[in-house]
Amino acid sequence: MSQPAALALSRRNFLKAGSFGSVLLATGSATALLTGCASPQPAAGHAFLREQDIRVVRALIPVVLAGALPTGADAAAAIDKVLKSLDSFIGTTSPGAMAPLYQLFDLLSMAPARIAICRLWDDWPDASAEDLDAFLLRWRGSSIGMFRAGYAGLVKIITSAWYLLPESWPTTGYQAPVRIV
């Protein structure tokens, strides 16, 4: 029995694509390991966040918290406080809970992945607020569950870190607990 040429060709193309994908994944993994993207060592003074994670989160904080963060000279200090809050918040969780976040940050930190799945040509610190907002909106409305989960994870940890800070409480109308002395 001979198979139609189109069917044989489609199998060949399938095998070629599978082989190419395997090589691409292996190359990406090796690159991440060799360049330190997959390094689990936190940055100096941090319990969880690595240098490459800080670059991503620092760029996203003003976009995610637009309208909630102070503006002007106080903005940089507020972003630093959110970073510290986020780091201590995640740093107290279990290693099993940290692993998916490390994987997400590893993916976002690699330039080819940032370009392909985030559609960001500029590195995180150089990306415009409009480009970062468009990235978040694409992931929020994506038909791919992994992207929606990544969006939810990023936004939830950033907003949680902000609203854990006493500086954010007046913006929500929250009155701090009254202490009886």
N, C-alpha and C. Protein backbone atom coordinates (compact mmCIF):
# COMPACT_ATOMS: atom_id res chain seq x y z
N MET A 1 0.84 -1.19 0.00
CA MET A 1 0.00 0.00 0.00
C MET A 1 0.88 1.24 0.00
N SER A 2 0.65 2.07 -0.93
CA SER A 2 1.41 3.32 -0.96
C SER A 2 0.54 4.44 -0.40
N GLN A 3 1.19 5.30 0.33
CA GLN A 3 0.48 6.42 0.92
C GLN A 3 0.52 7.59 -0.04
N PRO A 4 -0.49 8.43 0.03
CA PRO A 4 -0.46 9.63 -0.82
C PRO A 4 0.76 10.49 -0.47
N ALA A 5 1.29 11.16 -1.45
CA ALA A 5 2.49 11.99 -1.25
C ALA A 5 2.24 13.10 -0.23
N ALA A 6 1.04 13.64 -0.23
CA ALA A 6 0.75 14.73 0.71
C ALA A 6 0.80 14.24 2.16
N LEU A 7 0.33 13.01 2.40
CA LEU A 7 0.34 12.47 3.74
C LEU A 7 1.77 12.20 4.21
N ALA A 8 2.60 11.63 3.33
CA ALA A 8 3.99 11.36 3.68
C ALA A 8 4.74 12.67 3.92
N LEU A 9 4.47 13.66 3.09
CA LEU A 9 5.11 14.95 3.26
C LEU A 9 4.68 15.61 4.57
N SER A 10 3.42 15.46 4.94
CA SER A 10 2.96 16.07 6.17
C SER A 10 3.62 15.41 7.38
N ARG A 11 3.83 14.11 7.34
CA ARG A 11 4.56 13.44 8.43
C ARG A 11 5.99 13.94 8.51
N ARG A 12 6.62 14.07 7.36
CA ARG A 12 7.99 14.55 7.33
C ARG A 12 8.07 15.96 7.90
N ASN A 13 7.15 16.80 7.49
CA ASN A 13 7.14 18.17 8.02
C ASN A 13 6.87 18.17 9.53
N PHE A 14 6.00 17.28 9.97
CA PHE A 14 5.72 17.18 11.39
C PHE A 14 6.98 16.78 12.16
N LEU A 15 7.71 15.80 11.66
CA LEU A 15 8.94 15.36 12.32
C LEU A 15 10.00 16.46 12.29
N LYS A 16 10.09 17.16 11.18
CA LYS A 16 11.05 18.27 11.10
C LYS A 16 10.70 19.36 12.11
N ALA A 17 9.42 19.70 12.19
CA ALA A 17 9.00 20.74 13.13
C ALA A 17 9.24 20.30 14.57
N GLY A 18 8.96 19.03 14.86
CA GLY A 18 9.21 18.51 16.20
C GLY A 18 10.68 18.54 16.55
N SER A 19 11.52 18.17 15.61
CA SER A 19 12.97 18.19 15.84
C SER A 19 13.45 19.62 16.04
N PHE A 20 12.97 20.52 15.20
CA PHE A 20 13.36 21.93 15.32
C PHE A 20 12.92 22.49 16.67
N GLY A 21 11.69 22.18 17.09
CA GLY A 21 11.20 22.64 18.39
C GLY A 21 12.03 22.11 19.54
N SER A 22 12.43 20.85 19.46
CA SER A 22 13.26 20.26 20.52
C SER A 22 14.60 20.96 20.60
N VAL A 23 15.21 21.20 19.45
CA VAL A 23 16.50 21.90 19.43
C VAL A 23 16.35 23.31 19.98
N LEU A 24 15.26 23.98 19.61
CA LEU A 24 15.02 25.34 20.09
C LEU A 24 14.86 25.36 21.61
N LEU A 25 14.08 24.44 22.15
CA LEU A 25 13.89 24.38 23.61
C LEU A 25 15.19 24.05 24.32
N ALA A 26 15.94 23.11 23.79
CA ALA A 26 17.22 22.74 24.41
C ALA A 26 18.19 23.92 24.38
N THR A 27 18.22 24.64 23.27
CA THR A 27 19.10 25.80 23.16
C THR A 27 18.68 26.89 24.14
N GLY A 28 17.37 27.13 24.25
CA GLY A 28 16.87 28.14 25.18
C GLY A 28 17.19 27.78 26.62
N SER A 29 17.03 26.52 26.97
CA SER A 29 17.34 26.08 28.33
C SER A 29 18.83 26.21 28.63
N ALA A 30 19.65 25.79 27.68
CA ALA A 30 21.10 25.90 27.87
C ALA A 30 21.53 27.36 27.98
N THR A 31 20.94 28.21 27.16
CA THR A 31 21.26 29.63 27.21
C THR A 31 20.87 30.22 28.57
N ALA A 32 19.69 29.86 29.07
CA ALA A 32 19.25 30.36 30.37
C ALA A 32 20.20 29.91 31.47
N LEU A 33 20.64 28.68 31.41
CA LEU A 33 21.55 28.19 32.44
C LEU A 33 22.92 28.85 32.35
N LEU A 34 23.43 29.00 31.13
CA LEU A 34 24.77 29.55 30.95
C LEU A 34 24.84 31.06 31.21
N THR A 35 23.74 31.76 30.95
CA THR A 35 23.76 33.21 31.15
C THR A 35 23.32 33.61 32.55
N GLY A 36 22.90 32.64 33.33
CA GLY A 36 22.50 32.95 34.70
C GLY A 36 21.04 33.28 34.86
N CYS A 37 20.25 33.18 33.78
CA CYS A 37 18.82 33.47 33.89
C CYS A 37 18.14 32.48 34.84
N ALA A 38 18.63 31.27 34.87
CA ALA A 38 18.00 30.26 35.70
C ALA A 38 18.63 30.18 37.09
N SER A 39 19.47 31.13 37.42
CA SER A 39 20.13 31.13 38.72
C SER A 39 19.13 31.47 39.81
N PRO A 40 19.03 30.61 40.84
CA PRO A 40 18.06 30.88 41.89
C PRO A 40 18.58 31.80 42.99
N GLN A 41 19.75 32.38 42.83
CA GLN A 41 20.33 33.23 43.86
C GLN A 41 19.66 34.60 43.86
N PRO A 42 19.08 34.98 45.00
CA PRO A 42 18.46 36.31 45.08
C PRO A 42 19.50 37.42 44.99
N ALA A 43 19.05 38.59 44.58
CA ALA A 43 19.93 39.75 44.52
C ALA A 43 20.31 40.15 45.94
N ALA A 44 21.38 40.89 46.06
CA ALA A 44 21.85 41.34 47.38
C ALA A 44 20.74 42.11 48.09
N GLY A 45 20.49 41.73 49.33
CA GLY A 45 19.47 42.40 50.12
C GLY A 45 18.06 41.92 49.87
N HIS A 46 17.90 40.86 49.08
CA HIS A 46 16.57 40.34 48.76
C HIS A 46 16.47 38.87 49.15
N ALA A 47 15.26 38.47 49.50
CA ALA A 47 15.01 37.07 49.88
C ALA A 47 14.59 36.23 48.69
N PHE A 48 13.96 36.83 47.68
CA PHE A 48 13.44 36.08 46.54
C PHE A 48 13.91 36.65 45.20
N LEU A 49 13.73 37.93 45.01
CA LEU A 49 13.96 38.55 43.70
C LEU A 49 15.43 38.52 43.30
N ARG A 50 15.66 38.10 42.06
CA ARG A 50 17.00 38.14 41.47
C ARG A 50 17.10 39.43 40.66
N GLU A 51 18.31 39.75 40.23
CA GLU A 51 18.53 41.00 39.48
C GLU A 51 17.61 41.09 38.27
N GLN A 52 17.51 40.00 37.48
CA GLN A 52 16.68 40.04 36.28
C GLN A 52 15.19 40.15 36.63
N ASP A 53 14.78 39.60 37.77
CA ASP A 53 13.39 39.72 38.21
C ASP A 53 13.07 41.17 38.58
N ILE A 54 14.03 41.80 39.24
CA ILE A 54 13.85 43.19 39.66
C ILE A 54 13.65 44.10 38.45
N ARG A 55 14.38 43.83 37.38
CA ARG A 55 14.24 44.64 36.16
C ARG A 55 12.82 44.54 35.60
N VAL A 56 12.26 43.33 35.61
CA VAL A 56 10.91 43.12 35.10
C VAL A 56 9.89 43.79 36.01
N VAL A 57 9.97 43.50 37.30
CA VAL A 57 8.97 44.01 38.26
C VAL A 57 9.04 45.53 38.37
N ARG A 58 10.25 46.08 38.40
CA ARG A 58 10.40 47.54 38.50
C ARG A 58 9.74 48.24 37.31
N ALA A 59 9.81 47.63 36.14
CA ALA A 59 9.18 48.23 34.95
C ALA A 59 7.65 48.11 35.02
N LEU A 60 7.14 47.01 35.60
CA LEU A 60 5.70 46.77 35.61
C LEU A 60 4.96 47.49 36.75
N ILE A 61 5.64 47.77 37.84
CA ILE A 61 4.97 48.39 39.00
C ILE A 61 4.22 49.67 38.62
N PRO A 62 4.84 50.64 37.95
CA PRO A 62 4.10 51.88 37.65
C PRO A 62 2.90 51.65 36.72
N VAL A 63 2.97 50.62 35.88
CA VAL A 63 1.87 50.35 34.95
C VAL A 63 0.72 49.67 35.70
N VAL A 64 1.05 48.66 36.50
CA VAL A 64 0.03 47.94 37.25
C VAL A 64 -0.63 48.84 38.29
N LEU A 65 0.15 49.68 38.93
CA LEU A 65 -0.37 50.53 40.00
C LEU A 65 -0.64 51.96 39.54
N ALA A 66 -0.86 52.14 38.25
CA ALA A 66 -1.14 53.48 37.71
C ALA A 66 -2.33 54.09 38.43
N GLY A 67 -2.14 55.30 38.92
CA GLY A 67 -3.19 55.99 39.64
C GLY A 67 -3.16 55.76 41.15
N ALA A 68 -2.47 54.72 41.59
CA ALA A 68 -2.40 54.43 43.03
C ALA A 68 -1.07 54.90 43.62
N LEU A 69 -0.02 54.84 42.82
CA LEU A 69 1.31 55.24 43.32
C LEU A 69 1.43 56.76 43.40
N PRO A 70 2.24 57.23 44.33
CA PRO A 70 2.54 58.67 44.34
C PRO A 70 3.26 59.06 43.05
N THR A 71 3.16 60.31 42.70
CA THR A 71 3.83 60.80 41.50
C THR A 71 4.96 61.73 41.89
N GLY A 72 5.73 62.12 40.91
CA GLY A 72 6.82 63.06 41.14
C GLY A 72 7.98 62.43 41.86
N ALA A 73 8.56 63.19 42.78
CA ALA A 73 9.77 62.74 43.48
C ALA A 73 9.52 61.53 44.37
N ASP A 74 8.29 61.33 44.83
CA ASP A 74 7.98 60.22 45.71
C ASP A 74 7.78 58.90 44.96
N ALA A 75 7.66 58.94 43.64
CA ALA A 75 7.37 57.74 42.87
C ALA A 75 8.48 56.70 42.97
N ALA A 76 9.74 57.11 42.85
CA ALA A 76 10.85 56.16 42.89
C ALA A 76 10.94 55.47 44.26
N ALA A 77 10.73 56.23 45.32
CA ALA A 77 10.77 55.64 46.66
C ALA A 77 9.62 54.66 46.85
N ALA A 78 8.45 54.98 46.30
CA ALA A 78 7.30 54.08 46.41
C ALA A 78 7.55 52.79 45.65
N ILE A 79 8.16 52.88 44.48
CA ILE A 79 8.47 51.68 43.70
C ILE A 79 9.46 50.80 44.46
N ASP A 80 10.46 51.42 45.09
CA ASP A 80 11.41 50.65 45.90
C ASP A 80 10.72 49.95 47.07
N LYS A 81 9.77 50.63 47.70
CA LYS A 81 9.04 50.03 48.81
C LYS A 81 8.18 48.86 48.34
N VAL A 82 7.57 49.01 47.17
CA VAL A 82 6.76 47.91 46.62
C VAL A 82 7.66 46.72 46.32
N LEU A 83 8.84 46.98 45.75
CA LEU A 83 9.78 45.89 45.48
C LEU A 83 10.17 45.15 46.75
N LYS A 84 10.49 45.88 47.80
CA LYS A 84 10.85 45.26 49.08
C LYS A 84 9.67 44.49 49.66
N SER A 85 8.49 45.07 49.58
CA SER A 85 7.30 44.41 50.10
C SER A 85 7.02 43.12 49.32
N LEU A 86 7.13 43.19 48.00
CA LEU A 86 6.91 42.01 47.16
C LEU A 86 7.94 40.93 47.48
N ASP A 87 9.18 41.34 47.63
CA ASP A 87 10.25 40.39 47.93
C ASP A 87 10.02 39.69 49.26
N SER A 88 9.66 40.44 50.29
CA SER A 88 9.45 39.81 51.60
C SER A 88 8.17 38.97 51.60
N PHE A 89 7.15 39.41 50.85
CA PHE A 89 5.89 38.67 50.73
C PHE A 89 6.13 37.31 50.09
N ILE A 90 6.84 37.29 48.98
CA ILE A 90 7.10 36.02 48.28
C ILE A 90 8.18 35.22 49.00
N GLY A 91 9.14 35.91 49.59
CA GLY A 91 10.23 35.23 50.28
C GLY A 91 9.79 34.40 51.47
N THR A 92 8.59 34.64 51.98
CA THR A 92 8.09 33.86 53.12
C THR A 92 7.24 32.67 52.69
N THR A 93 7.04 32.50 51.38
CA THR A 93 6.24 31.37 50.90
C THR A 93 7.12 30.13 50.76
N SER A 94 6.49 29.04 50.44
CA SER A 94 7.21 27.77 50.31
C SER A 94 8.00 27.74 49.00
N PRO A 95 9.05 26.92 48.95
CA PRO A 95 9.81 26.79 47.69
C PRO A 95 8.93 26.31 46.53
N GLY A 96 7.93 25.51 46.83
CA GLY A 96 7.02 25.06 45.78
C GLY A 96 6.21 26.19 45.17
N ALA A 97 5.89 27.18 45.97
CA ALA A 97 5.16 28.34 45.46
C ALA A 97 6.08 29.30 44.72
N MET A 98 7.36 29.29 45.09
CA MET A 98 8.33 30.18 44.43
C MET A 98 8.70 29.68 43.03
N ALA A 99 8.72 28.38 42.85
CA ALA A 99 9.19 27.80 41.58
C ALA A 99 8.45 28.33 40.36
N PRO A 100 7.11 28.37 40.35
CA PRO A 100 6.43 28.91 39.15
C PRO A 100 6.75 30.38 38.90
N LEU A 101 6.94 31.15 39.97
CA LEU A 101 7.31 32.56 39.78
C LEU A 101 8.70 32.68 39.18
N TYR A 102 9.63 31.86 39.66
CA TYR A 102 10.97 31.87 39.06
C TYR A 102 10.89 31.51 37.58
N GLN A 103 10.07 30.51 37.24
CA GLN A 103 9.92 30.12 35.83
C GLN A 103 9.34 31.26 35.00
N LEU A 104 8.33 31.94 35.55
CA LEU A 104 7.74 33.07 34.84
C LEU A 104 8.77 34.17 34.62
N PHE A 105 9.51 34.52 35.68
CA PHE A 105 10.52 35.57 35.55
C PHE A 105 11.65 35.15 34.63
N ASP A 106 12.03 33.86 34.64
CA ASP A 106 13.05 33.38 33.71
C ASP A 106 12.59 33.57 32.27
N LEU A 107 11.33 33.24 32.01
CA LEU A 107 10.78 33.38 30.67
C LEU A 107 10.75 34.85 30.25
N LEU A 108 10.28 35.71 31.13
CA LEU A 108 10.17 37.13 30.80
C LEU A 108 11.53 37.80 30.67
N SER A 109 12.56 37.26 31.31
CA SER A 109 13.88 37.87 31.28
C SER A 109 14.67 37.54 30.03
N MET A 110 14.30 36.50 29.33
CA MET A 110 15.03 36.11 28.12
C MET A 110 14.55 36.96 26.94
N ALA A 111 15.47 37.63 26.27
CA ALA A 111 15.12 38.54 25.18
C ALA A 111 14.29 37.88 24.08
N PRO A 112 14.66 36.68 23.59
CA PRO A 112 13.83 36.08 22.54
C PRO A 112 12.39 35.81 22.99
N ALA A 113 12.24 35.37 24.24
CA ALA A 113 10.89 35.12 24.76
C ALA A 113 10.14 36.42 24.95
N ARG A 114 10.83 37.45 25.46
CA ARG A 114 10.20 38.76 25.65
C ARG A 114 9.65 39.30 24.33
N ILE A 115 10.43 39.12 23.28
CA ILE A 115 10.02 39.61 21.96
C ILE A 115 8.88 38.76 21.40
N ALA A 116 9.02 37.44 21.51
CA ALA A 116 8.04 36.53 20.89
C ALA A 116 6.71 36.50 21.62
N ILE A 117 6.72 36.41 22.95
CA ILE A 117 5.45 36.22 23.65
C ILE A 117 4.92 37.49 24.32
N CYS A 118 5.78 38.47 24.53
CA CYS A 118 5.32 39.72 25.13
C CYS A 118 5.19 40.83 24.09
N ARG A 119 5.81 40.62 22.94
CA ARG A 119 5.85 41.62 21.86
C ARG A 119 6.50 42.91 22.32
N LEU A 120 7.55 42.77 23.13
CA LEU A 120 8.31 43.92 23.61
C LEU A 120 9.70 43.88 23.01
N TRP A 121 9.99 44.80 22.11
CA TRP A 121 11.31 44.84 21.49
C TRP A 121 12.34 45.44 22.43
N ASP A 122 11.90 46.42 23.22
CA ASP A 122 12.81 47.07 24.17
C ASP A 122 12.92 46.23 25.43
N ASP A 123 14.09 46.29 26.08
CA ASP A 123 14.27 45.61 27.35
C ASP A 123 13.31 46.24 28.37
N TRP A 124 13.01 45.53 29.42
CA TRP A 124 12.01 45.96 30.40
C TRP A 124 12.22 47.39 30.89
N PRO A 125 13.40 47.79 31.31
CA PRO A 125 13.55 49.17 31.81
C PRO A 125 13.34 50.22 30.72
N ASP A 126 13.54 49.85 29.45
CA ASP A 126 13.44 50.81 28.35
C ASP A 126 12.06 50.82 27.69
N ALA A 127 11.20 49.87 28.03
CA ALA A 127 9.88 49.78 27.40
C ALA A 127 8.99 50.92 27.89
N SER A 128 8.16 51.41 27.00
CA SER A 128 7.26 52.50 27.37
C SER A 128 6.08 51.96 28.18
N ALA A 129 5.45 52.84 28.93
CA ALA A 129 4.29 52.45 29.73
C ALA A 129 3.17 51.93 28.82
N GLU A 130 3.04 52.51 27.62
CA GLU A 130 2.01 52.07 26.68
C GLU A 130 2.29 50.65 26.20
N ASP A 131 3.55 50.35 25.90
CA ASP A 131 3.91 48.99 25.45
C ASP A 131 3.70 47.97 26.56
N LEU A 132 4.06 48.34 27.79
CA LEU A 132 3.88 47.43 28.93
C LEU A 132 2.40 47.20 29.21
N ASP A 133 1.61 48.25 29.12
CA ASP A 133 0.17 48.12 29.31
C ASP A 133 -0.44 47.24 28.23
N ALA A 134 0.00 47.42 26.98
CA ALA A 134 -0.50 46.59 25.88
C ALA A 134 -0.14 45.12 26.11
N PHE A 135 1.08 44.86 26.59
CA PHE A 135 1.49 43.50 26.91
C PHE A 135 0.56 42.89 27.96
N LEU A 136 0.32 43.63 29.04
CA LEU A 136 -0.55 43.11 30.10
C LEU A 136 -1.97 42.86 29.59
N LEU A 137 -2.49 43.76 28.78
CA LEU A 137 -3.84 43.57 28.23
C LEU A 137 -3.91 42.36 27.31
N ARG A 138 -2.86 42.14 26.50
CA ARG A 138 -2.83 40.95 25.63
C ARG A 138 -2.86 39.68 26.46
N TRP A 139 -2.04 39.65 27.51
CA TRP A 139 -2.00 38.45 28.35
C TRP A 139 -3.31 38.26 29.11
N ARG A 140 -3.92 39.35 29.55
CA ARG A 140 -5.18 39.23 30.30
C ARG A 140 -6.28 38.65 29.42
N GLY A 141 -6.34 39.06 28.17
CA GLY A 141 -7.39 38.61 27.26
C GLY A 141 -6.99 37.46 26.37
N SER A 142 -5.85 36.84 26.62
CA SER A 142 -5.36 35.76 25.76
C SER A 142 -6.23 34.52 25.84
N SER A 143 -6.29 33.79 24.74
CA SER A 143 -6.99 32.50 24.74
C SER A 143 -6.11 31.40 25.32
N ILE A 144 -4.85 31.73 25.58
CA ILE A 144 -3.90 30.77 26.14
C ILE A 144 -3.92 30.92 27.67
N GLY A 145 -4.30 29.86 28.34
CA GLY A 145 -4.45 29.89 29.79
C GLY A 145 -3.16 30.25 30.52
N MET A 146 -2.02 29.82 30.00
CA MET A 146 -0.74 30.13 30.63
C MET A 146 -0.49 31.64 30.66
N PHE A 147 -0.85 32.34 29.62
CA PHE A 147 -0.66 33.79 29.59
C PHE A 147 -1.61 34.48 30.57
N ARG A 148 -2.87 34.01 30.61
CA ARG A 148 -3.82 34.60 31.57
C ARG A 148 -3.35 34.36 33.01
N ALA A 149 -2.83 33.18 33.28
CA ALA A 149 -2.31 32.88 34.62
C ALA A 149 -1.08 33.74 34.93
N GLY A 150 -0.22 33.94 33.95
CA GLY A 150 0.95 34.81 34.13
C GLY A 150 0.53 36.24 34.42
N TYR A 151 -0.47 36.72 33.70
CA TYR A 151 -0.99 38.07 33.95
C TYR A 151 -1.53 38.17 35.37
N ALA A 152 -2.37 37.22 35.75
CA ALA A 152 -2.98 37.25 37.08
C ALA A 152 -1.91 37.19 38.17
N GLY A 153 -0.91 36.35 37.98
CA GLY A 153 0.16 36.24 38.96
C GLY A 153 0.94 37.53 39.11
N LEU A 154 1.32 38.13 38.00
CA LEU A 154 2.08 39.39 38.05
C LEU A 154 1.27 40.50 38.71
N VAL A 155 0.03 40.67 38.28
CA VAL A 155 -0.79 41.76 38.79
C VAL A 155 -1.12 41.54 40.27
N LYS A 156 -1.42 40.32 40.65
CA LYS A 156 -1.79 40.06 42.05
C LYS A 156 -0.62 40.27 43.00
N ILE A 157 0.58 39.81 42.62
CA ILE A 157 1.69 39.99 43.55
C ILE A 157 2.09 41.45 43.66
N ILE A 158 1.99 42.20 42.57
CA ILE A 158 2.35 43.62 42.61
C ILE A 158 1.32 44.40 43.42
N THR A 159 0.03 44.17 43.18
CA THR A 159 -0.99 44.91 43.93
C THR A 159 -0.99 44.49 45.40
N SER A 160 -0.79 43.23 45.67
CA SER A 160 -0.73 42.78 47.07
C SER A 160 0.44 43.44 47.80
N ALA A 161 1.58 43.50 47.12
CA ALA A 161 2.75 44.13 47.74
C ALA A 161 2.49 45.59 48.05
N TRP A 162 1.79 46.28 47.17
CA TRP A 162 1.48 47.70 47.40
C TRP A 162 0.50 47.87 48.56
N TYR A 163 -0.57 47.10 48.55
CA TYR A 163 -1.60 47.29 49.57
C TYR A 163 -1.23 46.70 50.93
N LEU A 164 -0.11 46.01 51.03
CA LEU A 164 0.42 45.61 52.32
C LEU A 164 1.13 46.78 53.02
N LEU A 165 1.51 47.78 52.24
CA LEU A 165 2.23 48.93 52.79
C LEU A 165 1.26 49.93 53.43
N PRO A 166 1.58 50.41 54.62
CA PRO A 166 0.72 51.41 55.27
C PRO A 166 0.53 52.68 54.43
N GLU A 167 1.50 53.01 53.57
CA GLU A 167 1.38 54.21 52.72
C GLU A 167 0.20 54.11 51.76
N SER A 168 -0.21 52.91 51.43
CA SER A 168 -1.32 52.74 50.48
C SER A 168 -2.68 52.83 51.15
N TRP A 169 -2.74 52.66 52.44
CA TRP A 169 -4.02 52.59 53.13
C TRP A 169 -4.88 53.83 52.96
N PRO A 170 -4.34 55.05 53.04
CA PRO A 170 -5.22 56.23 52.87
C PRO A 170 -5.90 56.27 51.49
N THR A 171 -5.27 55.72 50.46
CA THR A 171 -5.89 55.75 49.12
C THR A 171 -7.11 54.84 49.04
N THR A 172 -7.23 53.91 49.98
CA THR A 172 -8.37 52.99 49.98
C THR A 172 -9.43 53.39 50.99
N GLY A 173 -9.13 54.39 51.82
CA GLY A 173 -10.06 54.80 52.85
C GLY A 173 -9.94 53.97 54.11
N TYR A 174 -8.93 53.11 54.16
CA TYR A 174 -8.74 52.24 55.32
C TYR A 174 -8.18 53.04 56.48
N GLN A 175 -8.79 52.91 57.62
CA GLN A 175 -8.29 53.53 58.83
C GLN A 175 -7.50 52.46 59.58
N ALA A 176 -6.28 52.76 59.91
CA ALA A 176 -5.45 51.78 60.62
C ALA A 176 -6.13 51.38 61.93
N PRO A 177 -5.88 50.18 62.39
CA PRO A 177 -6.50 49.76 63.66
C PRO A 177 -6.14 50.71 64.79
N VAL A 178 -7.11 50.97 65.63
CA VAL A 178 -6.90 51.86 66.76
C VAL A 178 -6.20 51.06 67.85
N ARG A 179 -5.14 51.64 68.37
CA ARG A 179 -4.40 50.98 69.46
C ARG A 179 -4.82 51.61 70.78
N ILE A 180 -5.19 50.76 71.67
CA ILE A 180 -5.54 51.22 73.01
C ILE A 180 -4.32 51.03 73.89
N VAL A 181 -3.89 52.11 74.48
CA VAL A 181 -2.69 52.05 75.31
C VAL A 181 -3.07 51.93 76.76
